Amino acid sequence: MRRCFLYTAFILLSACGTADEKAKIESQPKSPLTKNTNSDVFNQSFGILLADYFALKDNFVAENEELVNEYAEKLMMATDSLALQELRADTNVVATAQTYTQGISAELKGLLGEKGLDNKRKSFQMASDQLYDLIRTVQYNKAVIYHIFCPMAFYDQGANWLSNSREIRNPYIPKKMLTCGEIKDSIDIRQK
């Protein structure tokens, strides 16, 4: 009987020690989402995407509907073929980036279906907002991107766009207020 009691006590003490070890392991804080410097392949494909976006923006400034459509198609192709598999990031970051690319592509498809520049500008604004979020998510580090806001766009509702220059050239109301806007943010994740 005494032997049985000692054996039971030994098992209970052993079990308690194991529970403590599990508690220590489980109480460690989870590490934050990790992200490394992006690959050259990803940076190259993202650079093409940005170049097409800036050309689209410039053609809204020039009010050239034919080139707006052309660059919207190019931007949609660049967005759809963005090398997200080359993004060196946590899987949650990649999934978030994929959500933004799908949203941008959908807005561009809507832009192409609209008649008239004013209607196309609404889709451009939505795509611009999502691209801003995408740039911050993937932490593109090869250029400085300016996030610009014009409070007068869309009859005083306001709208944002992105630029690779500090110069204000408003794509929403270029004939009336070409320089309406202010830089709200600059994304500069370049390695110094």
N, C-alpha and C. Protein backbone atom coordinates (compact mmCIF):
# COMPACT_ATOMS: atom_id res chain seq x y z
N MET A 1 0.81 -1.18 0.00
CA MET A 1 0.00 0.00 0.00
C MET A 1 0.86 1.25 0.00
N ARG A 2 1.87 1.21 0.84
CA ARG A 2 2.78 2.35 0.89
C ARG A 2 3.48 2.53 -0.44
N ARG A 3 3.84 1.45 -1.07
CA ARG A 3 4.50 1.50 -2.38
C ARG A 3 3.56 2.12 -3.41
N CYS A 4 2.29 1.77 -3.38
CA CYS A 4 1.30 2.32 -4.30
C CYS A 4 1.14 3.83 -4.07
N PHE A 5 1.14 4.25 -2.82
CA PHE A 5 1.02 5.66 -2.48
C PHE A 5 2.22 6.44 -3.01
N LEU A 6 3.43 5.92 -2.80
CA LEU A 6 4.64 6.59 -3.30
C LEU A 6 4.64 6.67 -4.83
N TYR A 7 4.20 5.58 -5.44
CA TYR A 7 4.14 5.56 -6.90
C TYR A 7 3.16 6.62 -7.41
N THR A 8 1.99 6.77 -6.80
CA THR A 8 1.00 7.76 -7.19
C THR A 8 1.53 9.18 -6.96
N ALA A 9 2.20 9.40 -5.84
CA ALA A 9 2.77 10.70 -5.54
C ALA A 9 3.83 11.07 -6.57
N PHE A 10 4.63 10.10 -6.96
CA PHE A 10 5.67 10.33 -7.96
C PHE A 10 5.05 10.74 -9.30
N ILE A 11 4.00 10.06 -9.70
CA ILE A 11 3.32 10.38 -10.97
C ILE A 11 2.71 11.78 -10.90
N LEU A 12 2.09 12.11 -9.80
CA LEU A 12 1.49 13.45 -9.65
C LEU A 12 2.53 14.55 -9.72
N LEU A 13 3.66 14.34 -9.05
CA LEU A 13 4.73 15.34 -9.10
C LEU A 13 5.30 15.48 -10.49
N SER A 14 5.43 14.37 -11.18
CA SER A 14 5.94 14.41 -12.55
C SER A 14 4.98 15.16 -13.46
N ALA A 15 3.71 14.92 -13.29
CA ALA A 15 2.70 15.59 -14.11
C ALA A 15 2.70 17.09 -13.85
N CYS A 16 2.86 17.49 -12.61
CA CYS A 16 2.90 18.92 -12.29
C CYS A 16 4.09 19.60 -12.94
N GLY A 17 5.22 18.93 -12.96
CA GLY A 17 6.41 19.50 -13.59
C GLY A 17 6.20 19.70 -15.08
N THR A 18 5.54 18.78 -15.74
CA THR A 18 5.27 18.90 -17.16
C THR A 18 4.33 20.06 -17.44
N ALA A 19 3.33 20.24 -16.59
CA ALA A 19 2.39 21.34 -16.78
C ALA A 19 3.10 22.69 -16.67
N ASP A 20 4.05 22.80 -15.74
CA ASP A 20 4.80 24.03 -15.60
C ASP A 20 5.60 24.33 -16.86
N GLU A 21 6.21 23.29 -17.43
CA GLU A 21 6.98 23.50 -18.65
C GLU A 21 6.08 23.98 -19.78
N LYS A 22 4.88 23.39 -19.89
CA LYS A 22 3.95 23.83 -20.93
C LYS A 22 3.53 25.28 -20.70
N ALA A 23 3.30 25.63 -19.46
CA ALA A 23 2.89 27.00 -19.14
C ALA A 23 3.98 27.98 -19.54
N LYS A 24 5.22 27.61 -19.30
CA LYS A 24 6.32 28.50 -19.66
C LYS A 24 6.40 28.67 -21.17
N ILE A 25 6.22 27.61 -21.90
CA ILE A 25 6.30 27.67 -23.36
C ILE A 25 5.15 28.51 -23.91
N GLU A 26 3.94 28.26 -23.42
CA GLU A 26 2.78 28.96 -23.94
C GLU A 26 2.73 30.43 -23.53
N SER A 27 3.39 30.80 -22.45
CA SER A 27 3.33 32.19 -22.01
C SER A 27 4.33 33.10 -22.73
N GLN A 28 5.18 32.53 -23.58
CA GLN A 28 6.11 33.37 -24.33
C GLN A 28 5.32 34.20 -25.34
N PRO A 29 5.66 35.48 -25.47
CA PRO A 29 4.92 36.33 -26.41
C PRO A 29 5.16 35.88 -27.84
N LYS A 30 4.14 36.05 -28.67
CA LYS A 30 4.26 35.70 -30.08
C LYS A 30 5.07 36.78 -30.77
N SER A 31 5.89 36.36 -31.70
CA SER A 31 6.72 37.33 -32.40
C SER A 31 5.87 38.09 -33.41
N PRO A 32 6.22 39.34 -33.70
CA PRO A 32 5.46 40.13 -34.66
C PRO A 32 5.65 39.58 -36.07
N LEU A 33 4.79 40.02 -36.98
CA LEU A 33 4.94 39.63 -38.37
C LEU A 33 6.33 40.06 -38.84
N THR A 34 6.98 39.16 -39.53
CA THR A 34 8.34 39.48 -39.96
C THR A 34 8.38 39.80 -41.44
N LYS A 35 9.30 40.65 -41.79
CA LYS A 35 9.47 41.04 -43.18
C LYS A 35 10.94 41.36 -43.42
N ASN A 36 11.45 40.86 -44.49
CA ASN A 36 12.84 41.12 -44.86
C ASN A 36 12.86 42.06 -46.06
N THR A 37 14.03 42.45 -46.48
CA THR A 37 14.16 43.25 -47.68
C THR A 37 13.60 42.46 -48.86
N ASN A 38 12.85 43.12 -49.71
CA ASN A 38 12.20 42.45 -50.84
C ASN A 38 13.22 41.98 -51.87
N SER A 39 12.84 40.95 -52.61
CA SER A 39 13.73 40.40 -53.64
C SER A 39 13.81 41.35 -54.83
N ASP A 40 14.85 41.18 -55.64
CA ASP A 40 15.01 42.00 -56.85
C ASP A 40 13.86 41.77 -57.82
N VAL A 41 13.40 40.52 -57.93
CA VAL A 41 12.29 40.21 -58.84
C VAL A 41 11.03 40.96 -58.40
N PHE A 42 10.75 40.92 -57.09
CA PHE A 42 9.57 41.65 -56.59
C PHE A 42 9.73 43.14 -56.83
N ASN A 43 10.89 43.69 -56.48
CA ASN A 43 11.11 45.14 -56.66
C ASN A 43 10.96 45.56 -58.11
N GLN A 44 11.44 44.74 -59.03
CA GLN A 44 11.32 45.07 -60.45
C GLN A 44 9.85 45.07 -60.87
N SER A 45 9.09 44.06 -60.46
CA SER A 45 7.68 44.02 -60.85
C SER A 45 6.90 45.15 -60.19
N PHE A 46 7.25 45.50 -58.95
CA PHE A 46 6.56 46.60 -58.28
C PHE A 46 6.94 47.94 -58.92
N GLY A 47 8.17 48.06 -59.37
CA GLY A 47 8.60 49.28 -60.07
C GLY A 47 7.81 49.49 -61.35
N ILE A 48 7.52 48.42 -62.07
CA ILE A 48 6.71 48.51 -63.29
C ILE A 48 5.29 48.95 -62.94
N LEU A 49 4.74 48.37 -61.88
CA LEU A 49 3.40 48.74 -61.42
C LEU A 49 3.35 50.24 -61.11
N LEU A 50 4.33 50.74 -60.37
CA LEU A 50 4.35 52.16 -60.02
C LEU A 50 4.51 53.05 -61.25
N ALA A 51 5.36 52.66 -62.18
CA ALA A 51 5.56 53.45 -63.40
C ALA A 51 4.25 53.57 -64.18
N ASP A 52 3.50 52.47 -64.26
CA ASP A 52 2.21 52.50 -64.95
C ASP A 52 1.20 53.36 -64.19
N TYR A 53 1.23 53.30 -62.87
CA TYR A 53 0.33 54.14 -62.07
C TYR A 53 0.65 55.63 -62.31
N PHE A 54 1.93 55.99 -62.25
CA PHE A 54 2.30 57.40 -62.44
C PHE A 54 1.95 57.89 -63.84
N ALA A 55 2.10 57.02 -64.85
CA ALA A 55 1.71 57.39 -66.22
C ALA A 55 0.19 57.58 -66.30
N LEU A 56 -0.56 56.72 -65.60
CA LEU A 56 -2.02 56.87 -65.57
C LEU A 56 -2.39 58.21 -64.92
N LYS A 57 -1.76 58.50 -63.79
CA LYS A 57 -2.02 59.78 -63.10
C LYS A 57 -1.71 60.96 -64.01
N ASP A 58 -0.56 60.91 -64.68
CA ASP A 58 -0.16 62.01 -65.57
C ASP A 58 -1.14 62.19 -66.72
N ASN A 59 -1.73 61.11 -67.20
CA ASN A 59 -2.70 61.23 -68.29
C ASN A 59 -4.06 61.73 -67.81
N PHE A 60 -4.37 61.53 -66.53
CA PHE A 60 -5.54 62.20 -65.96
C PHE A 60 -5.27 63.70 -65.88
N VAL A 61 -4.05 64.08 -65.54
CA VAL A 61 -3.69 65.51 -65.50
C VAL A 61 -3.80 66.10 -66.90
N ALA A 62 -3.32 65.37 -67.90
CA ALA A 62 -3.36 65.84 -69.29
C ALA A 62 -4.76 65.70 -69.90
N GLU A 63 -5.66 65.01 -69.20
CA GLU A 63 -7.01 64.74 -69.66
C GLU A 63 -7.05 64.05 -71.02
N ASN A 64 -6.18 63.05 -71.16
CA ASN A 64 -6.11 62.26 -72.38
C ASN A 64 -6.79 60.92 -72.11
N GLU A 65 -8.07 60.83 -72.47
CA GLU A 65 -8.87 59.64 -72.14
C GLU A 65 -8.33 58.38 -72.81
N GLU A 66 -7.83 58.51 -74.02
CA GLU A 66 -7.29 57.34 -74.72
C GLU A 66 -6.09 56.76 -73.96
N LEU A 67 -5.18 57.63 -73.53
CA LEU A 67 -4.02 57.15 -72.78
C LEU A 67 -4.39 56.74 -71.35
N VAL A 68 -5.43 57.35 -70.78
CA VAL A 68 -5.91 56.90 -69.48
C VAL A 68 -6.32 55.44 -69.58
N ASN A 69 -7.09 55.11 -70.63
CA ASN A 69 -7.52 53.72 -70.82
C ASN A 69 -6.33 52.79 -71.06
N GLU A 70 -5.37 53.25 -71.86
CA GLU A 70 -4.20 52.43 -72.16
C GLU A 70 -3.40 52.12 -70.89
N TYR A 71 -3.15 53.15 -70.08
CA TYR A 71 -2.35 52.93 -68.88
C TYR A 71 -3.14 52.24 -67.77
N ALA A 72 -4.46 52.38 -67.78
CA ALA A 72 -5.27 51.61 -66.83
C ALA A 72 -5.14 50.12 -67.14
N GLU A 73 -5.15 49.77 -68.42
CA GLU A 73 -4.96 48.37 -68.81
C GLU A 73 -3.56 47.88 -68.42
N LYS A 74 -2.55 48.70 -68.69
CA LYS A 74 -1.19 48.32 -68.33
C LYS A 74 -1.04 48.14 -66.82
N LEU A 75 -1.63 49.07 -66.08
CA LEU A 75 -1.55 48.98 -64.62
C LEU A 75 -2.28 47.75 -64.11
N MET A 76 -3.41 47.42 -64.72
CA MET A 76 -4.14 46.23 -64.32
C MET A 76 -3.31 44.98 -64.58
N MET A 77 -2.64 44.93 -65.73
CA MET A 77 -1.78 43.77 -66.03
C MET A 77 -0.61 43.70 -65.05
N ALA A 78 -0.01 44.85 -64.75
CA ALA A 78 1.12 44.87 -63.81
C ALA A 78 0.67 44.45 -62.42
N THR A 79 -0.52 44.86 -62.04
CA THR A 79 -1.06 44.50 -60.73
C THR A 79 -1.34 43.00 -60.67
N ASP A 80 -1.97 42.49 -61.73
CA ASP A 80 -2.30 41.05 -61.76
C ASP A 80 -1.07 40.17 -61.82
N SER A 81 0.02 40.69 -62.37
CA SER A 81 1.23 39.87 -62.49
C SER A 81 2.30 40.25 -61.47
N LEU A 82 1.93 41.02 -60.45
CA LEU A 82 2.89 41.39 -59.42
C LEU A 82 3.46 40.13 -58.77
N ALA A 83 4.76 40.08 -58.63
CA ALA A 83 5.46 38.88 -58.15
C ALA A 83 5.36 38.75 -56.63
N LEU A 84 4.13 38.57 -56.14
CA LEU A 84 3.93 38.44 -54.70
C LEU A 84 4.61 37.20 -54.12
N GLN A 85 4.80 36.17 -54.95
CA GLN A 85 5.50 34.97 -54.47
C GLN A 85 6.96 35.27 -54.15
N GLU A 86 7.46 36.39 -54.65
CA GLU A 86 8.84 36.80 -54.39
C GLU A 86 8.94 37.78 -53.22
N LEU A 87 7.79 38.12 -52.64
CA LEU A 87 7.78 39.04 -51.51
C LEU A 87 8.31 38.31 -50.28
N ARG A 88 9.33 38.83 -49.70
CA ARG A 88 9.93 38.20 -48.52
C ARG A 88 9.23 38.75 -47.29
N ALA A 89 8.15 38.07 -46.94
CA ALA A 89 7.35 38.55 -45.82
C ALA A 89 6.58 37.41 -45.20
N ASP A 90 6.03 37.68 -44.05
CA ASP A 90 5.15 36.76 -43.36
C ASP A 90 3.96 36.44 -44.26
N THR A 91 3.40 35.25 -44.12
CA THR A 91 2.27 34.86 -44.98
C THR A 91 1.06 35.78 -44.81
N ASN A 92 0.88 36.35 -43.64
CA ASN A 92 -0.22 37.29 -43.44
C ASN A 92 0.00 38.58 -44.23
N VAL A 93 1.23 39.02 -44.33
CA VAL A 93 1.55 40.21 -45.12
C VAL A 93 1.29 39.93 -46.59
N VAL A 94 1.70 38.76 -47.06
CA VAL A 94 1.49 38.39 -48.46
C VAL A 94 -0.01 38.30 -48.75
N ALA A 95 -0.78 37.71 -47.85
CA ALA A 95 -2.23 37.60 -48.04
C ALA A 95 -2.88 38.98 -48.07
N THR A 96 -2.44 39.88 -47.21
CA THR A 96 -2.97 41.24 -47.21
C THR A 96 -2.62 41.95 -48.52
N ALA A 97 -1.39 41.78 -48.98
CA ALA A 97 -0.96 42.39 -50.24
C ALA A 97 -1.80 41.85 -51.40
N GLN A 98 -2.09 40.57 -51.37
CA GLN A 98 -2.90 39.97 -52.43
C GLN A 98 -4.32 40.56 -52.43
N THR A 99 -4.86 40.81 -51.27
CA THR A 99 -6.18 41.43 -51.17
C THR A 99 -6.16 42.82 -51.81
N TYR A 100 -5.12 43.59 -51.52
CA TYR A 100 -5.01 44.93 -52.12
C TYR A 100 -4.85 44.86 -53.63
N THR A 101 -4.05 43.93 -54.13
CA THR A 101 -3.87 43.83 -55.59
C THR A 101 -5.18 43.45 -56.27
N GLN A 102 -5.95 42.59 -55.65
CA GLN A 102 -7.25 42.22 -56.23
C GLN A 102 -8.19 43.42 -56.25
N GLY A 103 -8.16 44.22 -55.19
CA GLY A 103 -9.00 45.42 -55.13
C GLY A 103 -8.59 46.45 -56.18
N ILE A 104 -7.29 46.64 -56.34
CA ILE A 104 -6.79 47.59 -57.35
C ILE A 104 -7.22 47.14 -58.74
N SER A 105 -7.03 45.87 -59.01
CA SER A 105 -7.40 45.32 -60.32
C SER A 105 -8.90 45.49 -60.58
N ALA A 106 -9.72 45.25 -59.58
CA ALA A 106 -11.17 45.41 -59.74
C ALA A 106 -11.53 46.86 -60.02
N GLU A 107 -10.89 47.79 -59.33
CA GLU A 107 -11.16 49.22 -59.57
C GLU A 107 -10.74 49.63 -60.98
N LEU A 108 -9.63 49.10 -61.44
CA LEU A 108 -9.16 49.43 -62.79
C LEU A 108 -10.10 48.85 -63.85
N LYS A 109 -10.61 47.68 -63.59
CA LYS A 109 -11.60 47.09 -64.51
C LYS A 109 -12.84 47.99 -64.55
N GLY A 110 -13.25 48.48 -63.37
CA GLY A 110 -14.38 49.41 -63.32
C GLY A 110 -14.07 50.70 -64.05
N LEU A 111 -12.85 51.21 -63.89
CA LEU A 111 -12.42 52.43 -64.56
C LEU A 111 -12.56 52.27 -66.07
N LEU A 112 -12.11 51.13 -66.59
CA LEU A 112 -12.17 50.89 -68.03
C LEU A 112 -13.61 50.80 -68.55
N GLY A 113 -14.54 50.42 -67.68
CA GLY A 113 -15.93 50.31 -68.09
C GLY A 113 -16.69 51.63 -68.02
N GLU A 114 -16.11 52.63 -67.37
CA GLU A 114 -16.78 53.93 -67.21
C GLU A 114 -16.65 54.77 -68.48
N LYS A 115 -17.62 55.63 -68.66
CA LYS A 115 -17.59 56.60 -69.77
C LYS A 115 -17.26 57.97 -69.19
N GLY A 116 -16.33 58.66 -69.80
CA GLY A 116 -15.97 60.01 -69.38
C GLY A 116 -14.92 60.01 -68.28
N LEU A 117 -14.06 61.02 -68.31
CA LEU A 117 -12.96 61.12 -67.36
C LEU A 117 -13.41 61.30 -65.92
N ASP A 118 -14.50 62.07 -65.72
CA ASP A 118 -14.95 62.29 -64.34
C ASP A 118 -15.34 60.99 -63.66
N ASN A 119 -16.03 60.12 -64.37
CA ASN A 119 -16.40 58.82 -63.80
C ASN A 119 -15.17 57.93 -63.61
N LYS A 120 -14.24 58.00 -64.52
CA LYS A 120 -13.01 57.21 -64.42
C LYS A 120 -12.17 57.66 -63.22
N ARG A 121 -12.23 58.95 -62.92
CA ARG A 121 -11.46 59.48 -61.80
C ARG A 121 -11.90 58.88 -60.46
N LYS A 122 -13.16 58.55 -60.32
CA LYS A 122 -13.64 57.95 -59.07
C LYS A 122 -12.98 56.59 -58.83
N SER A 123 -12.89 55.79 -59.89
CA SER A 123 -12.21 54.49 -59.77
C SER A 123 -10.71 54.68 -59.55
N PHE A 124 -10.15 55.71 -60.19
CA PHE A 124 -8.72 56.01 -59.99
C PHE A 124 -8.45 56.34 -58.52
N GLN A 125 -9.35 57.11 -57.92
CA GLN A 125 -9.17 57.46 -56.51
C GLN A 125 -9.19 56.23 -55.63
N MET A 126 -10.12 55.30 -55.88
CA MET A 126 -10.20 54.07 -55.09
C MET A 126 -8.95 53.22 -55.29
N ALA A 127 -8.48 53.13 -56.52
CA ALA A 127 -7.26 52.37 -56.79
C ALA A 127 -6.05 53.03 -56.11
N SER A 128 -6.03 54.35 -56.09
CA SER A 128 -4.93 55.09 -55.45
C SER A 128 -4.88 54.80 -53.96
N ASP A 129 -6.04 54.80 -53.31
CA ASP A 129 -6.08 54.52 -51.88
C ASP A 129 -5.59 53.10 -51.58
N GLN A 130 -5.98 52.16 -52.40
CA GLN A 130 -5.55 50.78 -52.18
C GLN A 130 -4.06 50.60 -52.49
N LEU A 131 -3.57 51.32 -53.49
CA LEU A 131 -2.15 51.24 -53.81
C LEU A 131 -1.31 51.82 -52.67
N TYR A 132 -1.78 52.89 -52.07
CA TYR A 132 -1.10 53.47 -50.91
C TYR A 132 -0.97 52.42 -49.80
N ASP A 133 -2.07 51.74 -49.52
CA ASP A 133 -2.04 50.70 -48.49
C ASP A 133 -1.13 49.53 -48.90
N LEU A 134 -1.13 49.20 -50.17
CA LEU A 134 -0.26 48.11 -50.66
C LEU A 134 1.21 48.47 -50.49
N ILE A 135 1.58 49.70 -50.84
CA ILE A 135 2.98 50.13 -50.70
C ILE A 135 3.42 50.03 -49.25
N ARG A 136 2.57 50.47 -48.35
CA ARG A 136 2.91 50.39 -46.92
C ARG A 136 2.98 48.95 -46.44
N THR A 137 2.13 48.09 -46.98
CA THR A 137 2.12 46.69 -46.57
C THR A 137 3.38 45.96 -47.02
N VAL A 138 3.75 46.13 -48.28
CA VAL A 138 4.92 45.40 -48.80
C VAL A 138 6.23 46.12 -48.49
N GLN A 139 6.14 47.34 -48.00
CA GLN A 139 7.29 48.16 -47.65
C GLN A 139 8.27 48.29 -48.82
N TYR A 140 7.73 48.73 -49.95
CA TYR A 140 8.56 48.95 -51.14
C TYR A 140 9.62 49.99 -50.80
N ASN A 141 10.87 49.63 -51.02
CA ASN A 141 11.97 50.48 -50.54
C ASN A 141 12.91 50.98 -51.62
N LYS A 142 12.41 51.14 -52.82
CA LYS A 142 13.27 51.59 -53.91
C LYS A 142 12.99 53.02 -54.36
N ALA A 143 12.00 53.68 -53.75
CA ALA A 143 11.68 55.05 -54.14
C ALA A 143 10.89 55.72 -53.02
N VAL A 144 10.87 57.04 -53.07
CA VAL A 144 10.02 57.80 -52.16
C VAL A 144 8.70 58.03 -52.89
N ILE A 145 7.61 57.72 -52.20
CA ILE A 145 6.27 57.91 -52.78
C ILE A 145 5.54 58.93 -51.91
N TYR A 146 4.94 59.92 -52.56
CA TYR A 146 4.22 60.97 -51.86
C TYR A 146 2.72 60.71 -51.93
N HIS A 147 2.07 60.83 -50.80
CA HIS A 147 0.62 60.67 -50.69
C HIS A 147 0.04 62.08 -50.59
N ILE A 148 -0.71 62.47 -51.61
CA ILE A 148 -1.18 63.85 -51.74
C ILE A 148 -2.70 63.89 -51.65
N PHE A 149 -3.21 64.94 -51.03
CA PHE A 149 -4.65 65.09 -50.83
C PHE A 149 -5.11 66.46 -51.34
N CYS A 150 -6.21 66.45 -52.08
CA CYS A 150 -6.86 67.69 -52.51
C CYS A 150 -8.25 67.74 -51.91
N PRO A 151 -8.53 68.71 -51.04
CA PRO A 151 -9.84 68.79 -50.40
C PRO A 151 -10.95 69.24 -51.36
N MET A 152 -10.59 69.80 -52.49
CA MET A 152 -11.59 70.34 -53.42
C MET A 152 -12.09 69.30 -54.42
N ALA A 153 -11.42 68.17 -54.54
CA ALA A 153 -11.81 67.16 -55.52
C ALA A 153 -13.19 66.61 -55.21
N PHE A 154 -13.89 66.20 -56.26
CA PHE A 154 -15.23 65.61 -56.14
C PHE A 154 -16.18 66.51 -55.33
N TYR A 155 -16.20 67.76 -55.74
CA TYR A 155 -17.12 68.74 -55.13
C TYR A 155 -16.93 68.82 -53.61
N ASP A 156 -15.70 69.04 -53.23
CA ASP A 156 -15.30 69.24 -51.84
C ASP A 156 -15.36 67.99 -50.96
N GLN A 157 -15.44 66.82 -51.56
CA GLN A 157 -15.36 65.59 -50.78
C GLN A 157 -13.89 65.23 -50.52
N GLY A 158 -13.03 65.66 -51.41
CA GLY A 158 -11.60 65.40 -51.28
C GLY A 158 -11.20 64.06 -51.88
N ALA A 159 -9.94 63.97 -52.27
CA ALA A 159 -9.41 62.73 -52.84
C ALA A 159 -7.90 62.72 -52.74
N ASN A 160 -7.35 61.52 -52.66
CA ASN A 160 -5.91 61.30 -52.57
C ASN A 160 -5.37 60.76 -53.89
N TRP A 161 -4.09 60.94 -54.08
CA TRP A 161 -3.36 60.27 -55.15
C TRP A 161 -1.92 60.13 -54.73
N LEU A 162 -1.16 59.39 -55.50
CA LEU A 162 0.25 59.16 -55.21
C LEU A 162 1.10 59.82 -56.27
N SER A 163 2.30 60.20 -55.87
CA SER A 163 3.22 60.83 -56.81
C SER A 163 4.65 60.43 -56.48
N ASN A 164 5.48 60.45 -57.49
CA ASN A 164 6.91 60.20 -57.28
C ASN A 164 7.67 61.52 -57.20
N SER A 165 6.93 62.62 -57.09
CA SER A 165 7.51 63.95 -57.02
C SER A 165 6.75 64.78 -55.98
N ARG A 166 7.44 65.74 -55.40
CA ARG A 166 6.79 66.64 -54.45
C ARG A 166 5.92 67.68 -55.16
N GLU A 167 6.09 67.80 -56.47
CA GLU A 167 5.32 68.76 -57.25
C GLU A 167 3.84 68.34 -57.27
N ILE A 168 2.97 69.30 -57.00
CA ILE A 168 1.52 69.03 -56.99
C ILE A 168 0.98 69.23 -58.41
N ARG A 169 0.47 68.13 -58.98
CA ARG A 169 -0.20 68.16 -60.29
C ARG A 169 -1.46 67.33 -60.14
N ASN A 170 -2.56 68.01 -59.88
CA ASN A 170 -3.82 67.39 -59.48
C ASN A 170 -4.48 66.63 -60.64
N PRO A 171 -4.68 65.31 -60.49
CA PRO A 171 -5.32 64.53 -61.55
C PRO A 171 -6.85 64.63 -61.54
N TYR A 172 -7.42 65.24 -60.51
CA TYR A 172 -8.88 65.28 -60.38
C TYR A 172 -9.50 66.53 -60.99
N ILE A 173 -8.87 67.68 -60.79
CA ILE A 173 -9.39 68.93 -61.35
C ILE A 173 -8.23 69.74 -61.97
N PRO A 174 -7.59 69.17 -62.98
CA PRO A 174 -6.39 69.81 -63.52
C PRO A 174 -6.63 71.12 -64.25
N LYS A 175 -7.78 71.28 -64.87
CA LYS A 175 -8.03 72.52 -65.60
C LYS A 175 -8.31 73.69 -64.66
N LYS A 176 -9.01 73.42 -63.58
CA LYS A 176 -9.40 74.49 -62.66
C LYS A 176 -8.40 74.69 -61.54
N MET A 177 -7.84 73.62 -61.02
CA MET A 177 -6.97 73.72 -59.84
C MET A 177 -5.82 72.73 -59.95
N LEU A 178 -4.94 72.94 -60.89
CA LEU A 178 -3.84 72.03 -61.14
C LEU A 178 -2.94 71.84 -59.92
N THR A 179 -2.77 72.88 -59.13
CA THR A 179 -1.85 72.79 -57.99
C THR A 179 -2.57 72.64 -56.65
N CYS A 180 -3.86 72.30 -56.69
CA CYS A 180 -4.59 72.08 -55.44
C CYS A 180 -4.15 70.75 -54.84
N GLY A 181 -3.67 70.81 -53.63
CA GLY A 181 -3.28 69.59 -52.94
C GLY A 181 -2.15 69.86 -51.98
N GLU A 182 -2.01 68.93 -51.04
CA GLU A 182 -0.90 69.02 -50.09
C GLU A 182 -0.41 67.61 -49.80
N ILE A 183 0.88 67.50 -49.56
CA ILE A 183 1.47 66.21 -49.23
C ILE A 183 1.05 65.85 -47.81
N LYS A 184 0.37 64.72 -47.68
CA LYS A 184 -0.09 64.24 -46.38
C LYS A 184 0.88 63.24 -45.77
N ASP A 185 1.64 62.56 -46.62
CA ASP A 185 2.56 61.52 -46.14
C ASP A 185 3.60 61.29 -47.22
N SER A 186 4.76 60.86 -46.80
CA SER A 186 5.76 60.39 -47.76
C SER A 186 6.23 59.03 -47.26
N ILE A 187 6.22 58.08 -48.17
CA ILE A 187 6.65 56.74 -47.82
C ILE A 187 8.09 56.61 -48.30
N ASP A 188 8.99 56.54 -47.34
CA ASP A 188 10.42 56.43 -47.64
C ASP A 188 11.00 55.32 -46.76
N ILE A 189 11.05 54.13 -47.32
CA ILE A 189 11.54 52.97 -46.58
C ILE A 189 12.91 52.55 -47.16
N ARG A 190 13.52 53.45 -47.91
CA ARG A 190 14.81 53.11 -48.52
C ARG A 190 15.83 52.84 -47.43
N GLN A 191 16.73 51.93 -47.73
CA GLN A 191 17.81 51.64 -46.80
C GLN A 191 18.87 52.71 -46.96
N LYS A 192 19.26 53.27 -45.84
CA LYS A 192 20.21 54.39 -45.90
C LYS A 192 21.57 53.95 -45.48
